[in-house]
PDB file of N, CA and C in Angstrom:
ATOM      1  N   UNK A   1      85.170 107.701  76.311  1.00  0.00           N
ATOM      2  CA  UNK A   1      86.557 107.296  77.130  1.00  0.00           C
ATOM      3  C   UNK A   1      87.737 107.634  76.156  1.00  0.00           C
ATOM      4  N   UNK A   2      88.636 108.249  76.608  1.00  0.00           N
ATOM      5  CA  UNK A   2      89.864 108.441  75.987  1.00  0.00           C
ATOM      6  C   UNK A   2      90.906 107.477  75.992  1.00  0.00           C
ATOM      7  N   UNK A   3      91.434 107.131  75.120  1.00  0.00           N
ATOM      8  CA  UNK A   3      92.484 106.248  75.000  1.00  0.00           C
ATOM      9  C   UNK A   3      93.905 106.614  75.352  1.00  0.00           C
ATOM     10  N   UNK A   4      94.669 105.805  75.971  1.00  0.00           N
ATOM     11  CA  UNK A   4      95.927 106.300  76.451  1.00  0.00           C
ATOM     12  C   UNK A   4      96.886 106.236  75.185  1.00  0.00           C
ATOM     13  N   UNK A   5      97.996 107.153  75.265  1.00  0.00           N
ATOM     14  CA  UNK A   5      99.134 106.903  74.276  1.00  0.00           C
ATOM     15  C   UNK A   5      99.600 105.527  74.051  1.00  0.00           C
ATOM     16  N   UNK A   6      99.745 104.827  75.083  1.00  0.00           N
ATOM     17  CA  UNK A   6     100.549 103.647  75.233  1.00  0.00           C
ATOM     18  C   UNK A   6      99.419 102.755  74.524  1.00  0.00           C
ATOM     19  N   UNK A   7      98.286 102.791  74.701  1.00  0.00           N
ATOM     20  CA  UNK A   7      97.261 101.849  74.176  1.00  0.00           C
ATOM     21  C   UNK A   7      97.257 101.962  72.679  1.00  0.00           C
ATOM     22  N   UNK A   8      97.289 103.268  72.334  1.00  0.00           N
ATOM     23  CA  UNK A   8      97.222 103.681  70.888  1.00  0.00           C
ATOM     24  C   UNK A   8      98.499 103.110  70.000  1.00  0.00           C
ATOM     25  N   UNK A   9      99.780 103.302  70.848  1.00  0.00           N
ATOM     26  CA  UNK A   9     100.796 102.746  70.209  1.00  0.00           C
ATOM     27  C   UNK A   9     100.907 101.160  70.141  1.00  0.00           C
ATOM     28  N   UNK A  10     100.433 100.539  71.167  1.00  0.00           N
ATOM     29  CA  UNK A  10     100.368  99.061  71.201  1.00  0.00           C
ATOM     30  C   UNK A  10      99.357  98.715  70.003  1.00  0.00           C
ATOM     31  N   UNK A  11      98.312  99.257  69.735  1.00  0.00           N
ATOM     32  CA  UNK A  11      97.204  98.930  68.917  1.00  0.00           C
ATOM     33  C   UNK A  11      97.872  99.315  67.244  1.00  0.00           C
ATOM     34  N   UNK A  12      98.552 100.291  67.298  1.00  0.00           N
ATOM     35  CA  UNK A  12      99.343 100.569  66.105  1.00  0.00           C
ATOM     36  C   UNK A  12     100.329  99.583  65.581  1.00  0.00           C
ATOM     37  N   UNK A  13     100.984  99.061  66.647  1.00  0.00           N
ATOM     38  CA  UNK A  13     102.034  98.037  66.550  1.00  0.00           C
ATOM     39  C   UNK A  13     101.466  96.718  65.948  1.00  0.00           C
ATOM     40  N   UNK A  14     100.289  96.428  66.582  1.00  0.00           N
ATOM     41  CA  UNK A  14      99.488  95.368  66.351  1.00  0.00           C
ATOM     42  C   UNK A  14      99.087  95.148  64.838  1.00  0.00           C
ATOM     43  N   UNK A  15      98.552  96.218  64.534  1.00  0.00           N
ATOM     44  CA  UNK A  15      98.081  96.749  63.113  1.00  0.00           C
ATOM     45  C   UNK A  15      99.190  96.434  62.217  1.00  0.00           C
ATOM     46  N   UNK A  16     100.427  97.049  62.469  1.00  0.00           N
ATOM     47  CA  UNK A  16     101.145  97.101  61.400  1.00  0.00           C
ATOM     48  C   UNK A  16     101.793  95.681  61.360  1.00  0.00           C
ATOM     49  N   UNK A  17     101.981  95.036  62.587  1.00  0.00           N
ATOM     50  CA  UNK A  17     102.464  93.399  62.543  1.00  0.00           C
ATOM     51  C   UNK A  17     101.514  92.590  61.755  1.00  0.00           C
ATOM     52  N   UNK A  18     100.138  92.915  61.739  1.00  0.00           N
ATOM     53  CA  UNK A  18      99.190  92.202  60.948  1.00  0.00           C
ATOM     54  C   UNK A  18      99.247  92.490  59.450  1.00  0.00           C
ATOM     55  N   UNK A  19      99.598  93.623  59.169  1.00  0.00           N
ATOM     56  CA  UNK A  19      99.660  94.278  57.812  1.00  0.00           C
ATOM     57  C   UNK A  19     100.931  93.436  57.260  1.00  0.00           C
ATOM     58  N   UNK A  20     101.888  93.518  58.018  1.00  0.00           N
ATOM     59  CA  UNK A  20     103.001  92.709  57.215  1.00  0.00           C
ATOM     60  C   UNK A  20     103.011  91.270  57.195  1.00  0.00           C
ATOM     61  N   UNK A  21     102.203  90.682  58.034  1.00  0.00           N
ATOM     62  CA  UNK A  21     101.944  89.190  57.925  1.00  0.00           C
ATOM     63  C   UNK A  21     100.933  89.036  56.432  1.00  0.00           C
ATOM     64  N   UNK A  22      99.972  89.711  56.548  1.00  0.00           N
ATOM     65  CA  UNK A  22      99.152  89.935  55.457  1.00  0.00           C
ATOM     66  C   UNK A  22     100.023  89.987  54.251  1.00  0.00           C
ATOM     67  N   UNK A  23     100.872  91.115  54.177  1.00  0.00           N
ATOM     68  CA  UNK A  23     101.605  91.557  52.770  1.00  0.00           C
ATOM     69  C   UNK A  23     102.574  90.246  52.659  1.00  0.00           C
ATOM     70  N   UNK A  24     102.981  89.390  53.380  1.00  0.00           N
ATOM     71  CA  UNK A  24     103.819  88.198  53.261  1.00  0.00           C
ATOM     72  C   UNK A  24     102.984  87.225  52.683  1.00  0.00           C
ATOM     73  N   UNK A  25     101.793  86.888  53.132  1.00  0.00           N
ATOM     74  CA  UNK A  25     101.039  85.858  52.590  1.00  0.00           C
ATOM     75  C   UNK A  25     100.644  86.367  51.219  1.00  0.00           C
ATOM     76  N   UNK A  26     100.166  87.449  50.943  1.00  0.00           N
ATOM     77  CA  UNK A  26      99.915  87.706  49.509  1.00  0.00           C
ATOM     78  C   UNK A  26     101.078  87.690  48.617  1.00  0.00           C
ATOM     79  N   UNK A  27     102.118  88.201  49.055  1.00  0.00           N
ATOM     80  CA  UNK A  27     103.388  87.916  48.307  1.00  0.00           C
ATOM     81  C   UNK A  27     103.783  86.451  47.831  1.00  0.00           C
ATOM     82  N   UNK A  28     103.368  85.671  48.960  1.00  0.00           N
ATOM     83  CA  UNK A  28     103.597  83.952  48.881  1.00  0.00           C
ATOM     84  C   UNK A  28     102.568  83.441  47.666  1.00  0.00           C
ATOM     85  N   UNK A  29     101.262  84.068  47.895  1.00  0.00           N
ATOM     86  CA  UNK A  29     100.145  83.705  47.107  1.00  0.00           C
ATOM     87  C   UNK A  29     100.455  83.875  45.683  1.00  0.00           C
ATOM     88  N   UNK A  30     100.952  85.292  45.339  1.00  0.00           N
ATOM     89  CA  UNK A  30     101.296  85.566  44.205  1.00  0.00           C
ATOM     90  C   UNK A  30     102.361  84.813  43.506  1.00  0.00           C
ATOM     91  N   UNK A  31     103.448  84.511  44.223  1.00  0.00           N
ATOM     92  CA  UNK A  31     104.436  83.608  43.701  1.00  0.00           C
ATOM     93  C   UNK A  31     103.927  82.191  43.378  1.00  0.00           C
ATOM     94  N   UNK A  32     103.120  81.663  44.197  1.00  0.00           N
ATOM     95  CA  UNK A  32     102.449  80.223  43.920  1.00  0.00           C
ATOM     96  C   UNK A  32     101.419  80.498  42.682  1.00  0.00           C
ATOM     97  N   UNK A  33     101.039  81.453  42.561  1.00  0.00           N
ATOM     98  CA  UNK A  33     100.034  81.693  41.360  1.00  0.00           C
ATOM     99  C   UNK A  33     100.517  81.627  40.101  1.00  0.00           C
ATOM    100  N   UNK A  34     102.008  82.342  40.160  1.00  0.00           N
ATOM    101  CA  UNK A  34     102.869  82.538  38.750  1.00  0.00           C
ATOM    102  C   UNK A  34     103.457  81.138  38.647  1.00  0.00           C
ATOM    103  N   UNK A  35     103.812  80.380  39.510  1.00  0.00           N
ATOM    104  CA  UNK A  35     104.399  79.079  39.262  1.00  0.00           C
ATOM    105  C   UNK A  35     103.497  78.127  38.711  1.00  0.00           C
ATOM    106  N   UNK A  36     102.261  78.224  39.261  1.00  0.00           N
ATOM    107  CA  UNK A  36     101.185  77.343  38.820  1.00  0.00           C
ATOM    108  C   UNK A  36     100.495  77.631  37.291  1.00  0.00           C
ATOM    109  N   UNK A  37     100.715  79.002  37.001  1.00  0.00           N
ATOM    110  CA  UNK A  37     100.265  79.459  35.605  1.00  0.00           C
ATOM    111  C   UNK A  37     101.309  78.917  34.621  1.00  0.00           C
ATOM    112  N   UNK A  38     102.729  78.944  35.263  1.00  0.00           N
ATOM    113  CA  UNK A  38     103.831  78.554  34.225  1.00  0.00           C
ATOM    114  C   UNK A  38     103.607  77.147  33.941  1.00  0.00           C
ATOM    115  N   UNK A  39     103.414  76.317  34.946  1.00  0.00           N
ATOM    116  CA  UNK A  39     103.156  74.814  34.811  1.00  0.00           C
ATOM    117  C   UNK A  39     102.053  74.469  33.947  1.00  0.00           C
ATOM    118  N   UNK A  40     100.876  75.300  34.143  1.00  0.00           N
ATOM    119  CA  UNK A  40      99.670  75.055  33.201  1.00  0.00           C
ATOM    120  C   UNK A  40     100.198  75.411  31.580  1.00  0.00           C
ATOM    121  N   UNK A  41     100.835  76.397  31.558  1.00  0.00           N
ATOM    122  CA  UNK A  41     101.426  76.692  30.250  1.00  0.00           C
ATOM    123  C   UNK A  41     102.229  75.816  29.509  1.00  0.00           C
ATOM    124  N   UNK A  42     103.115  75.262  30.373  1.00  0.00           N
ATOM    125  CA  UNK A  42     103.925  74.168  29.865  1.00  0.00           C
ATOM    126  C   UNK A  42     103.073  72.897  29.648  1.00  0.00           C
ATOM    127  N   UNK A  43     102.136  72.406  30.385  1.00  0.00           N
ATOM    128  CA  UNK A  43     101.446  71.404  30.404  1.00  0.00           C
ATOM    129  C   UNK A  43     100.378  71.362  29.154  1.00  0.00           C
ATOM    130  N   UNK A  44      99.916  72.826  28.865  1.00  0.00           N
ATOM    131  CA  UNK A  44      98.889  72.936  27.949  1.00  0.00           C
ATOM    132  C   UNK A  44      99.843  72.833  26.441  1.00  0.00           C
ATOM    133  N   UNK A  45     101.116  73.425  26.397  1.00  0.00           N
ATOM    134  CA  UNK A  45     102.006  73.185  25.226  1.00  0.00           C
ATOM    135  C   UNK A  45     102.276  71.770  25.095  1.00  0.00           C
ATOM    136  N   UNK A  46     102.527  70.944  25.940  1.00  0.00           N
ATOM    137  CA  UNK A  46     102.830  69.593  25.854  1.00  0.00           C
ATOM    138  C   UNK A  46     101.604  68.820  25.392  1.00  0.00           C
ATOM    139  N   UNK A  47     100.424  69.094  25.978  1.00  0.00           N
ATOM    140  CA  UNK A  47      99.258  68.492  25.433  1.00  0.00           C
ATOM    141  C   UNK A  47      98.903  68.819  23.768  1.00  0.00           C
ATOM    142  N   UNK A  48      99.252  70.032  23.519  1.00  0.00           N
ATOM    143  CA  UNK A  48      98.860  70.322  22.170  1.00  0.00           C
ATOM    144  C   UNK A  48      99.841  69.610  21.178  1.00  0.00           C
ATOM    145  N   UNK A  49     101.126  69.461  21.704  1.00  0.00           N
ATOM    146  CA  UNK A  49     102.259  68.862  20.952  1.00  0.00           C
ATOM    147  C   UNK A  49     101.755  67.258  20.783  1.00  0.00           C
ATOM    148  N   UNK A  50     101.345  66.639  21.718  1.00  0.00           N
ATOM    149  CA  UNK A  50     100.827  65.321  21.861  1.00  0.00           C
ATOM    150  C   UNK A  50      99.658  65.302  20.746  1.00  0.00           C
ATOM    151  N   UNK A  51      98.837  65.937  20.969  1.00  0.00           N
ATOM    152  CA  UNK A  51      97.504  65.958  20.077  1.00  0.00           C
ATOM    153  C   UNK A  51      97.782  66.200  18.702  1.00  0.00           C
ATOM    154  N   UNK A  52      98.873  66.955  18.080  1.00  0.00           N
ATOM    155  CA  UNK A  52      99.305  67.132  16.921  1.00  0.00           C
ATOM    156  C   UNK A  52      99.900  65.728  16.498  1.00  0.00           C
ATOM    157  N   UNK A  53     101.005  65.342  17.199  1.00  0.00           N
ATOM    158  CA  UNK A  53     101.681  64.093  16.989  1.00  0.00           C
ATOM    159  C   UNK A  53     100.619  62.790  16.761  1.00  0.00           C
ATOM    160  N   UNK A  54      99.762  62.637  17.854  1.00  0.00           N
ATOM    161  CA  UNK A  54      98.658  61.595  17.632  1.00  0.00           C
ATOM    162  C   UNK A  54      97.842  61.797  16.256  1.00  0.00           C
ATOM    163  N   UNK A  55      97.227  63.014  16.027  1.00  0.00           N
ATOM    164  CA  UNK A  55      96.437  63.098  14.815  1.00  0.00           C
ATOM    165  C   UNK A  55      97.474  62.817  13.588  1.00  0.00           C
ATOM    166  N   UNK A  56      98.651  63.310  13.421  1.00  0.00           N
ATOM    167  CA  UNK A  56      99.120  62.949  12.327  1.00  0.00           C
ATOM    168  C   UNK A  56      99.430  61.335  12.091  1.00  0.00           C
ATOM    169  N   UNK A  57      99.567  60.761  13.254  1.00  0.00           N
ATOM    170  CA  UNK A  57      99.653  59.453  13.266  1.00  0.00           C
ATOM    171  C   UNK A  57      98.500  58.456  12.728  1.00  0.00           C
ATOM    172  N   UNK A  58      97.365  59.129  13.195  1.00  0.00           N
ATOM    173  CA  UNK A  58      96.078  58.621  12.853  1.00  0.00           C
ATOM    174  C   UNK A  58      95.784  58.915  11.430  1.00  0.00           C
ATOM    175  N   UNK A  59      96.194  60.014  10.896  1.00  0.00           N
ATOM    176  CA  UNK A  59      96.098  60.220   9.400  1.00  0.00           C
ATOM    177  C   UNK A  59      96.955  59.384   8.646  1.00  0.00           C
ATOM    178  N   UNK A  60      98.281  59.345   9.019  1.00  0.00           N
ATOM    179  CA  UNK A  60      99.131  58.312   8.353  1.00  0.00           C
ATOM    180  C   UNK A  60      98.609  56.842   8.481  1.00  0.00           C
ATOM    181  N   UNK A  61      98.116  56.416   9.612  1.00  0.00           N
ATOM    182  CA  UNK A  61      97.674  54.996   9.419  1.00  0.00           C
ATOM    183  C   UNK A  61      96.606  54.671   8.561  1.00  0.00           C
ATOM    184  N   UNK A  62      96.053  55.832   8.255  1.00  0.00           N
ATOM    185  CA  UNK A  62      94.853  55.529   7.350  1.00  0.00           C
ATOM    186  C   UNK A  62      95.200  55.749   5.898  1.00  0.00           C
ATOM    187  N   UNK A  63      96.454  56.180   5.580  1.00  0.00           N
ATOM    188  CA  UNK A  63      97.044  56.168   4.067  1.00  0.00           C
ATOM    189  C   UNK A  63      97.412  54.860   3.665  1.00  0.00           C
ATOM    190  N   UNK A  64      97.133  54.489   2.391  1.00  0.00           N
ATOM    191  CA  UNK A  64      97.327  53.241   1.919  1.00  0.00           C
ATOM    192  C   UNK A  64      99.009  52.815   1.951  1.00  0.00           C
ATOM    193  N   UNK A  65      99.566  54.004   1.716  1.00  0.00           N
ATOM    194  CA  UNK A  65     101.323  53.758   1.482  1.00  0.00           C
ATOM    195  C   UNK A  65     101.996  53.592   2.706  1.00  0.00           C
ATOM    196  N   UNK A  66     101.322  53.811   3.850  1.00  0.00           N
ATOM    197  CA  UNK A  66     101.926  53.576   5.200  1.00  0.00           C
ATOM    198  C   UNK A  66     102.362  52.229   5.592  1.00  0.00           C
ATOM    199  N   UNK A  67     103.352  52.131   6.118  1.00  0.00           N
ATOM    200  CA  UNK A  67     103.936  50.727   6.278  1.00  0.00           C
ATOM    201  C   UNK A  67     103.562  50.443   7.882  1.00  0.00           C
ATOM    202  N   UNK A  68     102.955  51.175   8.506  1.00  0.00           N
ATOM    203  CA  UNK A  68     102.598  50.927   9.976  1.00  0.00           C
ATOM    204  C   UNK A  68     101.202  50.120  10.001  1.00  0.00           C
ATOM    205  N   UNK A  69     100.882  49.052   9.390  1.00  0.00           N
ATOM    206  CA  UNK A  69      99.948  48.469   9.547  1.00  0.00           C
ATOM    207  C   UNK A  69     100.008  47.411  10.693  1.00  0.00           C
ATOM    208  N   UNK A  70     101.046  47.067  11.231  1.00  0.00           N
ATOM    209  CA  UNK A  70     101.394  46.403  12.172  1.00  0.00           C
ATOM    210  C   UNK A  70     101.244  47.291  13.762  1.00  0.00           C
ATOM    211  N   UNK A  71     100.122  46.611  14.600  1.00  0.00           N
ATOM    212  CA  UNK A  71      99.952  47.570  15.600  1.00  0.00           C
ATOM    213  C   UNK A  71     101.101  47.847  16.540  1.00  0.00           C
ATOM    214  N   UNK A  72     102.092  46.877  16.615  1.00  0.00           N
ATOM    215  CA  UNK A  72     103.355  47.256  17.466  1.00  0.00           C
ATOM    216  C   UNK A  72     104.341  47.977  16.793  1.00  0.00           C
ATOM    217  N   UNK A  73     104.411  48.070  15.348  1.00  0.00           N
ATOM    218  CA  UNK A  73     104.977  49.030  14.584  1.00  0.00           C
ATOM    219  C   UNK A  73     104.587  50.522  14.763  1.00  0.00           C
ATOM    220  N   UNK A  74     102.950  50.601  14.709  1.00  0.00           N
ATOM    221  CA  UNK A  74     102.452  51.811  14.971  1.00  0.00           C
ATOM    222  C   UNK A  74     102.690  52.448  16.410  1.00  0.00           C
ATOM    223  N   UNK A  75     102.485  51.414  17.372  1.00  0.00           N
ATOM    224  CA  UNK A  75     102.618  52.083  18.674  1.00  0.00           C
ATOM    225  C   UNK A  75     104.136  52.522  18.855  1.00  0.00           C
ATOM    226  N   UNK A  76     105.001  51.807  18.518  1.00  0.00           N
ATOM    227  CA  UNK A  76     106.571  52.248  18.362  1.00  0.00           C
ATOM    228  C   UNK A  76     106.657  53.440  17.894  1.00  0.00           C
ATOM    229  N   UNK A  77     106.200  53.748  16.662  1.00  0.00           N
ATOM    230  CA  UNK A  77     106.403  55.022  15.913  1.00  0.00           C
ATOM    231  C   UNK A  77     105.819  56.017  16.898  1.00  0.00           C
ATOM    232  N   UNK A  78     104.494  55.895  17.343  1.00  0.00           N
ATOM    233  CA  UNK A  78     103.781  56.823  17.815  1.00  0.00           C
ATOM    234  C   UNK A  78     104.710  57.174  19.192  1.00  0.00           C
ATOM    235  N   UNK A  79     105.170  56.312  19.962  1.00  0.00           N
ATOM    236  CA  UNK A  79     105.930  56.533  21.076  1.00  0.00           C
ATOM    237  C   UNK A  79     107.061  57.156  20.887  1.00  0.00           C
ATOM    238  N   UNK A  80     108.006  56.745  19.794  1.00  0.00           N
ATOM    239  CA  UNK A  80     108.948  57.476  19.321  1.00  0.00           C
ATOM    240  C   UNK A  80     108.916  59.045  19.018  1.00  0.00           C
ATOM    241  N   UNK A  81     107.871  59.165  18.130  1.00  0.00           N
ATOM    242  CA  UNK A  81     107.347  60.546  17.903  1.00  0.00           C
ATOM    243  C   UNK A  81     107.088  61.606  18.932  1.00  0.00           C
ATOM    244  N   UNK A  82     106.307  60.807  19.939  1.00  0.00           N
ATOM    245  CA  UNK A  82     105.980  61.585  21.124  1.00  0.00           C
ATOM    246  C   UNK A  82     107.073  62.045  21.868  1.00  0.00           C
ATOM    247  N   UNK A  83     108.033  60.966  22.114  1.00  0.00           N
ATOM    248  CA  UNK A  83     109.468  61.318  22.729  1.00  0.00           C
ATOM    249  C   UNK A  83     110.278  62.497  22.007  1.00  0.00           C
ATOM    250  N   UNK A  84     110.270  62.307  20.505  1.00  0.00           N
ATOM    251  CA  UNK A  84     111.087  63.406  19.842  1.00  0.00           C
ATOM    252  C   UNK A  84     110.399  64.781  20.064  1.00  0.00           C
ATOM    253  N   UNK A  85     109.178  64.959  20.414  1.00  0.00           N
ATOM    254  CA  UNK A  85     108.430  66.151  20.414  1.00  0.00           C
ATOM    255  C   UNK A  85     108.593  66.538  21.853  1.00  0.00           C
ATOM    256  N   UNK A  86     108.953  65.768  22.709  1.00  0.00           N
ATOM    257  CA  UNK A  86     109.362  66.136  24.207  1.00  0.00           C
ATOM    258  C   UNK A  86     108.004  65.823  24.917  1.00  0.00           C
ATOM    259  N   UNK A  87     107.316  64.833  24.687  1.00  0.00           N
ATOM    260  CA  UNK A  87     106.135  64.459  25.428  1.00  0.00           C
ATOM    261  C   UNK A  87     106.562  63.318  26.098  1.00  0.00           C
ATOM    262  N   UNK A  88     106.696  63.329  27.634  1.00  0.00           N
ATOM    263  CA  UNK A  88     107.007  62.259  28.357  1.00  0.00           C
ATOM    264  C   UNK A  88     105.768  61.475  28.854  1.00  0.00           C
ATOM    265  N   UNK A  89     105.766  60.300  28.247  1.00  0.00           N
ATOM    266  CA  UNK A  89     104.872  59.302  28.943  1.00  0.00           C
ATOM    267  C   UNK A  89     105.244  58.368  29.728  1.00  0.00           C
ATOM    268  N   UNK A  90     106.454  58.458  30.415  1.00  0.00           N
ATOM    269  CA  UNK A  90     106.927  57.291  31.259  1.00  0.00           C
ATOM    270  C   UNK A  90     105.802  56.844  32.304  1.00  0.00           C
ATOM    271  N   UNK A  91     105.309  57.807  33.070  1.00  0.00           N
ATOM    272  CA  UNK A  91     104.456  57.645  34.222  1.00  0.00           C
ATOM    273  C   UNK A  91     103.343  56.905  33.577  1.00  0.00           C
ATOM    274  N   UNK A  92     102.685  57.431  32.557  1.00  0.00           N
ATOM    275  CA  UNK A  92     101.419  56.856  32.179  1.00  0.00           C
ATOM    276  C   UNK A  92     101.612  55.589  31.722  1.00  0.00           C
ATOM    277  N   UNK A  93     102.750  55.305  30.814  1.00  0.00           N
ATOM    278  CA  UNK A  93     102.808  54.072  30.166  1.00  0.00           C
ATOM    279  C   UNK A  93     103.387  52.985  31.469  1.00  0.00           C
ATOM    280  N   UNK A  94     103.895  53.309  32.383  1.00  0.00           N
ATOM    281  CA  UNK A  94     104.257  52.561  33.348  1.00  0.00           C
ATOM    282  C   UNK A  94     103.152  52.148  34.358  1.00  0.00           C
ATOM    283  N   UNK A  95     102.113  53.055  34.458  1.00  0.00           N
ATOM    284  CA  UNK A  95     100.865  52.894  35.217  1.00  0.00           C
ATOM    285  C   UNK A  95      99.954  51.825  34.264  1.00  0.00           C
ATOM    286  N   UNK A  96      99.735  52.069  33.120  1.00  0.00           N
ATOM    287  CA  UNK A  96      99.204  51.102  32.202  1.00  0.00           C
ATOM    288  C   UNK A  96      99.691  49.842  32.101  1.00  0.00           C
ATOM    289  N   UNK A  97     101.154  49.594  32.426  1.00  0.00           N
ATOM    290  CA  UNK A  97     101.707  48.315  32.354  1.00  0.00           C
ATOM    291  C   UNK A  97     101.690  47.657  33.547  1.00  0.00           C
ATOM    292  N   UNK A  98     100.982  48.220  34.798  1.00  0.00           N
ATOM    293  CA  UNK A  98     100.864  47.648  35.827  1.00  0.00           C
ATOM    294  C   UNK A  98     101.626  47.936  36.893  1.00  0.00           C
ATOM    295  N   UNK A  99     102.668  48.935  36.765  1.00  0.00           N
ATOM    296  CA  UNK A  99     103.292  49.453  37.876  1.00  0.00           C
ATOM    297  C   UNK A  99     102.570  50.110  38.933  1.00  0.00           C
ATOM    298  N   UNK A 100     102.970  49.845  40.130  1.00  0.00           N
ATOM    299  CA  UNK A 100     102.344  50.555  41.277  1.00  0.00           C
ATOM    300  C   UNK A 100     102.809  51.800  41.561  1.00  0.00           C
ATOM    301  N   UNK A 101     102.286  52.706  40.980  1.00  0.00           N
ATOM    302  CA  UNK A 101     102.524  54.357  41.278  1.00  0.00           C
ATOM    303  C   UNK A 101     101.859  55.052  42.476  1.00  0.00           C
TER     304      UNK A 101
END
């Protein structure tokens, strides 16, 4: 059975519209993937920095010349060092201190 020119034109238009929808969805998915990758890189950098700061404080706490033998002084020093390194612990600290987040 031979298809009419009108049927073929309609079919072509439907396929074109569907291709445009898929192209838009793919473009949006790529944009979201790039944003997610950027966030993951930022988080990985922050985690690495936090690990470095924590490790240096652990080593310093074990050194006999360290004045951070008081747990409160150690905690405050660690909190300040993490803050200075750009690691934000406000949400985690608030959660641990009993805030309903």
